[in-house]
Amino acid sequence: MAGWLFVLPALVMYGAFVLVPLAITLFYSTLRWNGIGPWEFVGFDNYTKTLTDPDLYGTIINAFKLMFFFSFVPVALGLLVASLIRRVATGALGSAARTVLFLPQVIPLVAAGIVWSWLLSKNGLINQVLSAIGLGDITRAWLADFGLALPAVGVIGAWVLLGLCTILLLTGMSKIDQALYESARLDGANAWQEFRSITVPSLRYEIGVCITVTVIASLAAFDIIYISTLGGPGTTTAVPGLEIYRLAFLGRNVGVASALAVVLVLLVLVTVLPIQRLSREEPA
């Protein structure tokens, strides 16, 4: 009873602000309702529309495309950057490197989206640099290009999440027994072999945490896309979070918006739970 009493305040808050809204969303997802007037029960029709309407399931496909930039790129680069900092940047230099890399995490995503919109605009700094080094032929309005808008948004997400992954992986590296590296060097292992055979396997849990956080960020992306592209050009950068907002608050289609939100929750669970399980299992 004592344990339940200590947990009770957190359970009450979690139930009030997570479980109850989730149950309400599930109920709304079975309705045809504009949020104000009378509603009509339609069962699973909203889910059918979500999974058959190209504009709706296209947002889910875009979210999975962003996963490469939001998850794979920050984790892979984070491993390399963390290894370099551990080997080369020590003392004040290492602290400065950590601070610079983690800075995007403390900058509001709205501000980051605005700054990157300026940088990637037709007359932005990136195009000016490309023109200055003789690559003016490839300059363009990156966020307005149908083929490159999604990767451009992905670059912004990778920049935001790289610092978080690097710091988490650096923390994990500090726990690795240095005797393992000394033994590997005595056996003639080079830096790459140490990284592949000692560092990466020892960071199994930390890598799992990084992948979990970044995958959720890619599937739940909203702020950066809303500020930088608003889902455009066309629907090339539209994602579920943005479409839920449009359907519920602009289109007054609460039922379909709720159904898409429930589908998004299920996608997050289906994607994240296997990652969590694999990261916690001990290697054979």
C-alpha atoms as a PDB file:
ATOM      1  CA  MET A   1       0.000   0.000   0.000  1.00  0.00           C
ATOM      2  CA  ALA A   2       2.835   2.382   0.780  1.00  0.00           C
ATOM      3  CA  GLY A   3       4.242   1.921  -2.704  1.00  0.00           C
ATOM      4  CA  TRP A   4       0.874   2.575  -4.347  1.00  0.00           C
ATOM      5  CA  LEU A   5       0.400   5.695  -2.222  1.00  0.00           C
ATOM      6  CA  PHE A   6       3.741   7.082  -3.384  1.00  0.00           C
ATOM      7  CA  VAL A   7       2.872   6.334  -7.025  1.00  0.00           C
ATOM      8  CA  LEU A   8      -0.716   7.587  -6.753  1.00  0.00           C
ATOM      9  CA  PRO A   9      -0.068  11.304  -7.549  1.00  0.00           C
ATOM     10  CA  ALA A  10       1.797  10.380 -10.740  1.00  0.00           C
ATOM     11  CA  LEU A  11      -0.897   7.873 -11.702  1.00  0.00           C
ATOM     12  CA  VAL A  12      -3.631  10.466 -11.214  1.00  0.00           C
ATOM     13  CA  MET A  13      -1.797  13.015 -13.381  1.00  0.00           C
ATOM     14  CA  TYR A  14      -0.997  10.400 -16.031  1.00  0.00           C
ATOM     15  CA  GLY A  15      -4.577   9.213 -16.103  1.00  0.00           C
ATOM     16  CA  ALA A  16      -5.996  12.750 -16.289  1.00  0.00           C
ATOM     17  CA  PHE A  17      -3.676  14.062 -18.995  1.00  0.00           C
ATOM     18  CA  VAL A  18      -2.835  10.919 -21.021  1.00  0.00           C
ATOM     19  CA  LEU A  19      -5.252   8.030 -20.545  1.00  0.00           C
ATOM     20  CA  VAL A  20      -8.493  10.044 -20.423  1.00  0.00           C
ATOM     21  CA  PRO A  21      -7.630  12.154 -23.530  1.00  0.00           C
ATOM     22  CA  LEU A  22      -6.594   8.943 -25.316  1.00  0.00           C
ATOM     23  CA  ALA A  23      -9.943   7.336 -24.504  1.00  0.00           C
ATOM     24  CA  ILE A  24     -11.782  10.462 -25.695  1.00  0.00           C
ATOM     25  CA  THR A  25      -9.762  10.427 -28.927  1.00  0.00           C
ATOM     26  CA  LEU A  26     -10.697   6.796 -29.497  1.00  0.00           C
ATOM     27  CA  PHE A  27     -14.359   7.723 -29.080  1.00  0.00           C
ATOM     28  CA  TYR A  28     -14.073  10.748 -31.391  1.00  0.00           C
ATOM     29  CA  SER A  29     -12.420   8.556 -34.041  1.00  0.00           C
ATOM     30  CA  THR A  30     -15.693   6.647 -34.473  1.00  0.00           C
ATOM     31  CA  LEU A  31     -17.740   9.792 -35.153  1.00  0.00           C
ATOM     32  CA  ARG A  32     -18.514  12.122 -38.021  1.00  0.00           C
ATOM     33  CA  TRP A  33     -18.364  15.430 -36.147  1.00  0.00           C
ATOM     34  CA  ASN A  34     -17.323  19.032 -36.768  1.00  0.00           C
ATOM     35  CA  GLY A  35     -16.494  19.638 -33.116  1.00  0.00           C
ATOM     36  CA  ILE A  36     -19.533  21.796 -32.403  1.00  0.00           C
ATOM     37  CA  GLY A  37     -22.805  20.435 -33.766  1.00  0.00           C
ATOM     38  CA  PRO A  38     -24.447  17.018 -33.464  1.00  0.00           C
ATOM     39  CA  TRP A  39     -22.322  13.954 -34.151  1.00  0.00           C
ATOM     40  CA  GLU A  40     -22.996  10.743 -36.052  1.00  0.00           C
ATOM     41  CA  PHE A  41     -21.518   7.343 -35.187  1.00  0.00           C
ATOM     42  CA  VAL A  42     -19.699   5.880 -38.223  1.00  0.00           C
ATOM     43  CA  GLY A  43     -17.692   3.047 -36.659  1.00  0.00           C
ATOM     44  CA  PHE A  44     -14.430   2.344 -38.474  1.00  0.00           C
ATOM     45  CA  ASP A  45     -15.184   4.496 -41.528  1.00  0.00           C
ATOM     46  CA  ASN A  46     -12.686   7.152 -40.427  1.00  0.00           C
ATOM     47  CA  TYR A  47      -9.934   4.538 -40.142  1.00  0.00           C
ATOM     48  CA  THR A  48     -10.789   3.221 -43.593  1.00  0.00           C
ATOM     49  CA  LYS A  49     -10.491   6.743 -44.987  1.00  0.00           C
ATOM     50  CA  THR A  50      -7.200   7.276 -43.172  1.00  0.00           C
ATOM     51  CA  LEU A  51      -5.672   4.164 -44.732  1.00  0.00           C
ATOM     52  CA  THR A  52      -7.120   4.597 -48.237  1.00  0.00           C
ATOM     53  CA  ASP A  53      -6.998   8.355 -48.856  1.00  0.00           C
ATOM     54  CA  PRO A  54      -3.675   9.077 -50.653  1.00  0.00           C
ATOM     55  CA  ASP A  55      -3.330  12.448 -48.941  1.00  0.00           C
ATOM     56  CA  LEU A  56      -3.709  10.886 -45.488  1.00  0.00           C
ATOM     57  CA  TYR A  57      -1.625   7.734 -45.773  1.00  0.00           C
ATOM     58  CA  GLY A  58       0.883   9.778 -47.790  1.00  0.00           C
ATOM     59  CA  THR A  59       1.630  11.742 -44.622  1.00  0.00           C
ATOM     60  CA  ILE A  60       2.506   8.478 -42.875  1.00  0.00           C
ATOM     61  CA  ILE A  61       4.849   7.540 -45.717  1.00  0.00           C
ATOM     62  CA  ASN A  62       6.522  10.968 -45.421  1.00  0.00           C
ATOM     63  CA  ALA A  63       7.007  10.412 -41.685  1.00  0.00           C
ATOM     64  CA  PHE A  64       8.798   7.127 -42.346  1.00  0.00           C
ATOM     65  CA  LYS A  65      10.972   8.818 -44.968  1.00  0.00           C
ATOM     66  CA  LEU A  66      11.923  11.445 -42.408  1.00  0.00           C
ATOM     67  CA  MET A  67      12.922   8.637 -40.050  1.00  0.00           C
ATOM     68  CA  PHE A  68      16.130   8.152 -42.052  1.00  0.00           C
ATOM     69  CA  PHE A  69      17.175  11.771 -41.429  1.00  0.00           C
ATOM     70  CA  PHE A  70      15.764  12.107 -37.914  1.00  0.00           C
ATOM     71  CA  SER A  71      17.028   8.739 -36.638  1.00  0.00           C
ATOM     72  CA  PHE A  72      19.668   6.953 -38.713  1.00  0.00           C
ATOM     73  CA  VAL A  73      21.731  10.064 -39.542  1.00  0.00           C
ATOM     74  CA  PRO A  74      21.923  11.517 -35.980  1.00  0.00           C
ATOM     75  CA  VAL A  75      22.684   8.123 -34.410  1.00  0.00           C
ATOM     76  CA  ALA A  76      25.358   7.187 -36.961  1.00  0.00           C
ATOM     77  CA  LEU A  77      26.991  10.631 -36.898  1.00  0.00           C
ATOM     78  CA  GLY A  78      26.574  10.756 -33.112  1.00  0.00           C
ATOM     79  CA  LEU A  79      28.601   7.562 -32.761  1.00  0.00           C
ATOM     80  CA  LEU A  80      31.421   8.955 -34.901  1.00  0.00           C
ATOM     81  CA  VAL A  81      31.402  12.402 -33.284  1.00  0.00           C
ATOM     82  CA  ALA A  82      31.271  10.960 -29.758  1.00  0.00           C
ATOM     83  CA  SER A  83      34.218   8.669 -30.550  1.00  0.00           C
ATOM     84  CA  LEU A  84      36.229  11.596 -31.908  1.00  0.00           C
ATOM     85  CA  ILE A  85      35.455  13.761 -28.861  1.00  0.00           C
ATOM     86  CA  ARG A  86      36.454  10.944 -26.513  1.00  0.00           C
ATOM     87  CA  ARG A  87      39.741  10.406 -28.323  1.00  0.00           C
ATOM     88  CA  VAL A  88      40.730  13.949 -29.303  1.00  0.00           C
ATOM     89  CA  ALA A  89      38.732  16.624 -27.482  1.00  0.00           C
ATOM     90  CA  THR A  90      39.552  16.516 -23.781  1.00  0.00           C
ATOM     91  CA  GLY A  91      39.314  19.092 -20.999  1.00  0.00           C
ATOM     92  CA  ALA A  92      37.998  22.519 -21.973  1.00  0.00           C
ATOM     93  CA  LEU A  93      37.909  21.605 -25.673  1.00  0.00           C
ATOM     94  CA  GLY A  94      35.681  18.613 -24.951  1.00  0.00           C
ATOM     95  CA  SER A  95      33.330  20.712 -22.805  1.00  0.00           C
ATOM     96  CA  ALA A  96      33.077  23.341 -25.540  1.00  0.00           C
ATOM     97  CA  ALA A  97      32.340  20.671 -28.154  1.00  0.00           C
ATOM     98  CA  ARG A  98      29.575  19.181 -25.995  1.00  0.00           C
ATOM     99  CA  THR A  99      28.030  22.596 -25.434  1.00  0.00           C
ATOM    100  CA  VAL A 100      28.025  23.514 -29.127  1.00  0.00           C
ATOM    101  CA  LEU A 101      26.560  20.165 -30.154  1.00  0.00           C
ATOM    102  CA  PHE A 102      23.845  20.249 -27.486  1.00  0.00           C
ATOM    103  CA  LEU A 103      22.860  23.852 -28.251  1.00  0.00           C
ATOM    104  CA  PRO A 104      20.087  22.917 -30.749  1.00  0.00           C
ATOM    105  CA  GLN A 105      18.303  21.073 -27.929  1.00  0.00           C
ATOM    106  CA  VAL A 106      17.834  24.271 -25.919  1.00  0.00           C
ATOM    107  CA  ILE A 107      16.793  26.394 -28.910  1.00  0.00           C
ATOM    108  CA  PRO A 108      12.997  26.439 -29.417  1.00  0.00           C
ATOM    109  CA  LEU A 109      12.091  24.411 -32.501  1.00  0.00           C
ATOM    110  CA  VAL A 110      10.072  27.349 -33.807  1.00  0.00           C
ATOM    111  CA  ALA A 111      13.185  29.539 -33.724  1.00  0.00           C
ATOM    112  CA  ALA A 112      15.254  26.790 -35.352  1.00  0.00           C
ATOM    113  CA  GLY A 113      12.664  26.432 -38.114  1.00  0.00           C
ATOM    114  CA  ILE A 114      12.671  30.171 -38.801  1.00  0.00           C
ATOM    115  CA  VAL A 115      16.477  30.363 -38.944  1.00  0.00           C
ATOM    116  CA  TRP A 116      16.767  27.362 -41.247  1.00  0.00           C
ATOM    117  CA  SER A 117      14.022  28.773 -43.476  1.00  0.00           C
ATOM    118  CA  TRP A 118      16.220  31.847 -43.964  1.00  0.00           C
ATOM    119  CA  LEU A 119      19.331  29.747 -44.552  1.00  0.00           C
ATOM    120  CA  LEU A 120      17.635  27.514 -47.138  1.00  0.00           C
ATOM    121  CA  SER A 121      15.718  30.254 -48.959  1.00  0.00           C
ATOM    122  CA  LYS A 122      16.555  31.210 -52.553  1.00  0.00           C
ATOM    123  CA  ASN A 123      18.714  34.145 -51.416  1.00  0.00           C
ATOM    124  CA  GLY A 124      19.788  32.509 -48.163  1.00  0.00           C
ATOM    125  CA  LEU A 125      23.268  32.015 -46.780  1.00  0.00           C
ATOM    126  CA  ILE A 126      23.641  28.462 -48.085  1.00  0.00           C
ATOM    127  CA  ASN A 127      22.972  29.514 -51.679  1.00  0.00           C
ATOM    128  CA  GLN A 128      25.269  32.502 -51.271  1.00  0.00           C
ATOM    129  CA  VAL A 129      28.095  30.219 -50.132  1.00  0.00           C
ATOM    130  CA  LEU A 130      27.444  27.804 -53.008  1.00  0.00           C
ATOM    131  CA  SER A 131      27.543  30.695 -55.490  1.00  0.00           C
ATOM    132  CA  ALA A 132      30.753  32.024 -53.956  1.00  0.00           C
ATOM    133  CA  ILE A 133      32.555  28.703 -54.478  1.00  0.00           C
ATOM    134  CA  GLY A 134      31.361  28.314 -58.063  1.00  0.00           C
ATOM    135  CA  LEU A 135      28.367  26.051 -57.487  1.00  0.00           C
ATOM    136  CA  GLY A 136      25.721  28.596 -58.388  1.00  0.00           C
ATOM    137  CA  ASP A 137      24.113  26.188 -60.870  1.00  0.00           C
ATOM    138  CA  ILE A 138      22.790  23.970 -58.079  1.00  0.00           C
ATOM    139  CA  THR A 139      21.317  26.761 -55.957  1.00  0.00           C
ATOM    140  CA  ARG A 140      17.557  26.773 -55.502  1.00  0.00           C
ATOM    141  CA  ALA A 141      14.841  27.444 -52.978  1.00  0.00           C
ATOM    142  CA  TRP A 142      15.501  24.185 -51.154  1.00  0.00           C
ATOM    143  CA  LEU A 143      12.302  24.148 -49.101  1.00  0.00           C
ATOM    144  CA  ALA A 144      10.161  24.925 -52.163  1.00  0.00           C
ATOM    145  CA  ASP A 145      11.607  22.189 -54.385  1.00  0.00           C
ATOM    146  CA  PHE A 146       9.270  19.209 -54.842  1.00  0.00           C
ATOM    147  CA  GLY A 147      12.141  16.729 -54.900  1.00  0.00           C
ATOM    148  CA  LEU A 148      14.358  18.223 -52.197  1.00  0.00           C
ATOM    149  CA  ALA A 149      11.968  19.798 -49.684  1.00  0.00           C
ATOM    150  CA  LEU A 150      11.633  16.612 -47.612  1.00  0.00           C
ATOM    151  CA  PRO A 151      15.405  15.951 -47.428  1.00  0.00           C
ATOM    152  CA  ALA A 152      15.919  19.636 -46.564  1.00  0.00           C
ATOM    153  CA  VAL A 153      13.509  19.312 -43.647  1.00  0.00           C
ATOM    154  CA  GLY A 154      15.308  16.086 -42.721  1.00  0.00           C
ATOM    155  CA  VAL A 155      18.606  17.958 -42.523  1.00  0.00           C
ATOM    156  CA  ILE A 156      17.041  20.381 -40.040  1.00  0.00           C
ATOM    157  CA  GLY A 157      15.805  17.479 -37.912  1.00  0.00           C
ATOM    158  CA  ALA A 158      19.183  15.737 -38.055  1.00  0.00           C
ATOM    159  CA  TRP A 159      20.885  18.959 -36.911  1.00  0.00           C
ATOM    160  CA  VAL A 160      18.489  19.279 -33.974  1.00  0.00           C
ATOM    161  CA  LEU A 161      18.871  15.665 -32.798  1.00  0.00           C
ATOM    162  CA  LEU A 162      22.599  15.149 -33.421  1.00  0.00           C
ATOM    163  CA  GLY A 163      23.645  16.836 -30.172  1.00  0.00           C
ATOM    164  CA  LEU A 164      21.270  14.787 -28.028  1.00  0.00           C
ATOM    165  CA  CYS A 165      22.491  11.513 -29.539  1.00  0.00           C
ATOM    166  CA  THR A 166      26.131  12.537 -29.197  1.00  0.00           C
ATOM    167  CA  ILE A 167      25.788  13.442 -25.505  1.00  0.00           C
ATOM    168  CA  LEU A 168      23.906  10.217 -24.698  1.00  0.00           C
ATOM    169  CA  LEU A 169      26.516   8.118 -26.500  1.00  0.00           C
ATOM    170  CA  LEU A 170      29.401  10.011 -24.872  1.00  0.00           C
ATOM    171  CA  THR A 171      27.885   9.266 -21.480  1.00  0.00           C
ATOM    172  CA  GLY A 172      27.682   5.597 -22.394  1.00  0.00           C
ATOM    173  CA  MET A 173      31.294   5.575 -23.596  1.00  0.00           C
ATOM    174  CA  SER A 174      32.466   6.918 -20.238  1.00  0.00           C
ATOM    175  CA  LYS A 175      31.157   3.720 -18.609  1.00  0.00           C
ATOM    176  CA  ILE A 176      33.132   1.345 -20.830  1.00  0.00           C
ATOM    177  CA  ASP A 177      36.018  -0.351 -19.028  1.00  0.00           C
ATOM    178  CA  GLN A 178      39.245   1.092 -20.461  1.00  0.00           C
ATOM    179  CA  ALA A 179      40.966  -2.234 -19.852  1.00  0.00           C
ATOM    180  CA  LEU A 180      39.054  -3.590 -22.853  1.00  0.00           C
ATOM    181  CA  TYR A 181      40.692  -1.017 -25.123  1.00  0.00           C
ATOM    182  CA  GLU A 182      44.140  -1.671 -23.628  1.00  0.00           C
ATOM    183  CA  SER A 183      43.754  -5.399 -24.205  1.00  0.00           C
ATOM    184  CA  ALA A 184      42.626  -4.797 -27.789  1.00  0.00           C
ATOM    185  CA  ARG A 185      45.653  -2.576 -28.475  1.00  0.00           C
ATOM    186  CA  LEU A 186      47.978  -5.222 -27.079  1.00  0.00           C
ATOM    187  CA  ASP A 187      46.414  -7.661 -29.528  1.00  0.00           C
ATOM    188  CA  GLY A 188      47.119  -5.235 -32.392  1.00  0.00           C
ATOM    189  CA  ALA A 189      43.625  -3.814 -32.898  1.00  0.00           C
ATOM    190  CA  ASN A 190      43.362  -0.466 -34.700  1.00  0.00           C
ATOM    191  CA  ALA A 191      40.930   2.364 -33.939  1.00  0.00           C
ATOM    192  CA  TRP A 192      38.253   1.031 -36.307  1.00  0.00           C
ATOM    193  CA  GLN A 193      38.422  -2.466 -34.849  1.00  0.00           C
ATOM    194  CA  GLU A 194      38.123  -1.050 -31.318  1.00  0.00           C
ATOM    195  CA  PHE A 195      35.109   1.011 -32.382  1.00  0.00           C
ATOM    196  CA  ARG A 196      33.405  -1.911 -34.116  1.00  0.00           C
ATOM    197  CA  SER A 197      34.146  -4.661 -31.588  1.00  0.00           C
ATOM    198  CA  ILE A 198      34.120  -2.792 -28.254  1.00  0.00           C
ATOM    199  CA  THR A 199      32.469   0.622 -28.473  1.00  0.00           C
ATOM    200  CA  VAL A 200      29.349  -0.196 -30.499  1.00  0.00           C
ATOM    201  CA  PRO A 201      28.435  -3.471 -28.681  1.00  0.00           C
ATOM    202  CA  SER A 202      28.951  -1.763 -25.301  1.00  0.00           C
ATOM    203  CA  LEU A 203      26.549   1.029 -26.267  1.00  0.00           C
ATOM    204  CA  ARG A 204      23.653  -1.303 -27.068  1.00  0.00           C
ATOM    205  CA  TYR A 205      21.307   0.281 -24.521  1.00  0.00           C
ATOM    206  CA  GLU A 206      22.325   3.891 -25.290  1.00  0.00           C
ATOM    207  CA  ILE A 207      21.908   3.320 -29.033  1.00  0.00           C
ATOM    208  CA  GLY A 208      18.463   1.871 -28.317  1.00  0.00           C
ATOM    209  CA  VAL A 209      17.506   4.995 -26.357  1.00  0.00           C
ATOM    210  CA  CYS A 210      18.765   7.268 -29.158  1.00  0.00           C
ATOM    211  CA  ILE A 211      16.861   5.338 -31.822  1.00  0.00           C
ATOM    212  CA  THR A 212      13.700   5.337 -29.707  1.00  0.00           C
ATOM    213  CA  VAL A 213      13.805   9.092 -29.096  1.00  0.00           C
ATOM    214  CA  THR A 214      14.619   9.966 -32.703  1.00  0.00           C
ATOM    215  CA  VAL A 215      12.048   7.590 -34.207  1.00  0.00           C
ATOM    216  CA  ILE A 216       9.329   9.123 -32.042  1.00  0.00           C
ATOM    217  CA  ALA A 217      10.561  12.587 -33.091  1.00  0.00           C
ATOM    218  CA  SER A 218      10.266  11.662 -36.781  1.00  0.00           C
ATOM    219  CA  LEU A 219       6.770  10.191 -36.454  1.00  0.00           C
ATOM    220  CA  ALA A 220       5.520  13.044 -34.262  1.00  0.00           C
ATOM    221  CA  ALA A 221       7.222  15.875 -36.189  1.00  0.00           C
ATOM    222  CA  PHE A 222       5.212  19.095 -36.308  1.00  0.00           C
ATOM    223  CA  ASP A 223       6.997  22.293 -35.206  1.00  0.00           C
ATOM    224  CA  ILE A 224       9.816  22.400 -37.735  1.00  0.00           C
ATOM    225  CA  ILE A 225       7.614  21.419 -40.674  1.00  0.00           C
ATOM    226  CA  TYR A 226       4.837  23.837 -39.706  1.00  0.00           C
ATOM    227  CA  ILE A 227       7.304  26.737 -39.559  1.00  0.00           C
ATOM    228  CA  SER A 228       9.547  25.871 -42.504  1.00  0.00           C
ATOM    229  CA  THR A 229       7.226  24.433 -45.184  1.00  0.00           C
ATOM    230  CA  LEU A 230       3.658  24.140 -43.793  1.00  0.00           C
ATOM    231  CA  GLY A 231       3.590  20.733 -45.488  1.00  0.00           C
ATOM    232  CA  GLY A 232       4.472  22.060 -48.913  1.00  0.00           C
ATOM    233  CA  PRO A 233       5.237  22.321 -51.694  1.00  0.00           C
ATOM    234  CA  GLY A 234       1.992  20.486 -52.350  1.00  0.00           C
ATOM    235  CA  THR A 235       1.953  17.683 -49.795  1.00  0.00           C
ATOM    236  CA  THR A 236       5.584  16.622 -50.174  1.00  0.00           C
ATOM    237  CA  THR A 237       6.467  17.422 -46.547  1.00  0.00           C
ATOM    238  CA  ALA A 238       3.043  16.851 -44.973  1.00  0.00           C
ATOM    239  CA  VAL A 239       3.254  14.601 -41.888  1.00  0.00           C
ATOM    240  CA  PRO A 240       0.574  13.105 -39.604  1.00  0.00           C
ATOM    241  CA  GLY A 241       0.996  15.716 -36.861  1.00  0.00           C
ATOM    242  CA  LEU A 242       0.440  18.575 -39.292  1.00  0.00           C
ATOM    243  CA  GLU A 243      -2.474  16.834 -40.993  1.00  0.00           C
ATOM    244  CA  ILE A 244      -4.162  16.145 -37.638  1.00  0.00           C
ATOM    245  CA  TYR A 245      -3.948  19.866 -36.862  1.00  0.00           C
ATOM    246  CA  ARG A 246      -5.375  20.808 -40.256  1.00  0.00           C
ATOM    247  CA  LEU A 247      -8.235  18.315 -40.096  1.00  0.00           C
ATOM    248  CA  ALA A 248      -9.280  19.096 -36.522  1.00  0.00           C
ATOM    249  CA  PHE A 249      -8.843  22.880 -36.312  1.00  0.00           C
ATOM    250  CA  LEU A 250      -9.041  24.090 -39.909  1.00  0.00           C
ATOM    251  CA  GLY A 251     -11.198  21.455 -41.634  1.00  0.00           C
ATOM    252  CA  ARG A 252     -13.436  20.839 -38.591  1.00  0.00           C
ATOM    253  CA  ASN A 253     -13.214  17.087 -39.258  1.00  0.00           C
ATOM    254  CA  VAL A 254     -12.641  15.848 -35.728  1.00  0.00           C
ATOM    255  CA  GLY A 255     -13.432  12.194 -36.465  1.00  0.00           C
ATOM    256  CA  VAL A 256     -10.835  11.676 -39.207  1.00  0.00           C
ATOM    257  CA  ALA A 257      -8.269  13.731 -37.278  1.00  0.00           C
ATOM    258  CA  SER A 258      -8.780  11.517 -34.219  1.00  0.00           C
ATOM    259  CA  ALA A 259      -8.535   8.346 -36.323  1.00  0.00           C
ATOM    260  CA  LEU A 260      -5.248   9.539 -37.808  1.00  0.00           C
ATOM    261  CA  ALA A 261      -4.003  10.346 -34.291  1.00  0.00           C
ATOM    262  CA  VAL A 262      -4.853   6.829 -33.100  1.00  0.00           C
ATOM    263  CA  VAL A 263      -3.115   5.307 -36.134  1.00  0.00           C
ATOM    264  CA  LEU A 264      -0.063   7.449 -35.347  1.00  0.00           C
ATOM    265  CA  VAL A 265       0.000   6.196 -31.741  1.00  0.00           C
ATOM    266  CA  LEU A 266      -0.173   2.595 -32.957  1.00  0.00           C
ATOM    267  CA  LEU A 267       2.630   3.204 -35.460  1.00  0.00           C
ATOM    268  CA  VAL A 268       4.831   4.651 -32.719  1.00  0.00           C
ATOM    269  CA  LEU A 269       4.188   1.619 -30.493  1.00  0.00           C
ATOM    270  CA  VAL A 270       4.732  -0.908 -33.292  1.00  0.00           C
ATOM    271  CA  THR A 271       8.003   0.793 -34.269  1.00  0.00           C
ATOM    272  CA  VAL A 272       9.414   1.548 -30.834  1.00  0.00           C
ATOM    273  CA  LEU A 273       8.562  -1.558 -28.779  1.00  0.00           C
ATOM    274  CA  PRO A 274      10.708  -3.968 -30.885  1.00  0.00           C
ATOM    275  CA  ILE A 275      13.602  -1.461 -30.703  1.00  0.00           C
ATOM    276  CA  GLN A 276      13.283  -1.339 -26.916  1.00  0.00           C
ATOM    277  CA  ARG A 277      13.207  -5.130 -26.684  1.00  0.00           C
ATOM    278  CA  LEU A 278      16.234  -5.611 -28.927  1.00  0.00           C
ATOM    279  CA  SER A 279      18.260  -2.956 -27.096  1.00  0.00           C
ATOM    280  CA  ARG A 280      17.633  -4.610 -23.713  1.00  0.00           C
ATOM    281  CA  GLU A 281      18.444  -8.157 -24.781  1.00  0.00           C
ATOM    282  CA  GLU A 282      21.942  -9.319 -23.966  1.00  0.00           C
ATOM    283  CA  PRO A 283      24.042 -10.184 -27.041  1.00  0.00           C
ATOM    284  CA  ALA A 284      24.575 -13.901 -27.552  1.00  0.00           C
END
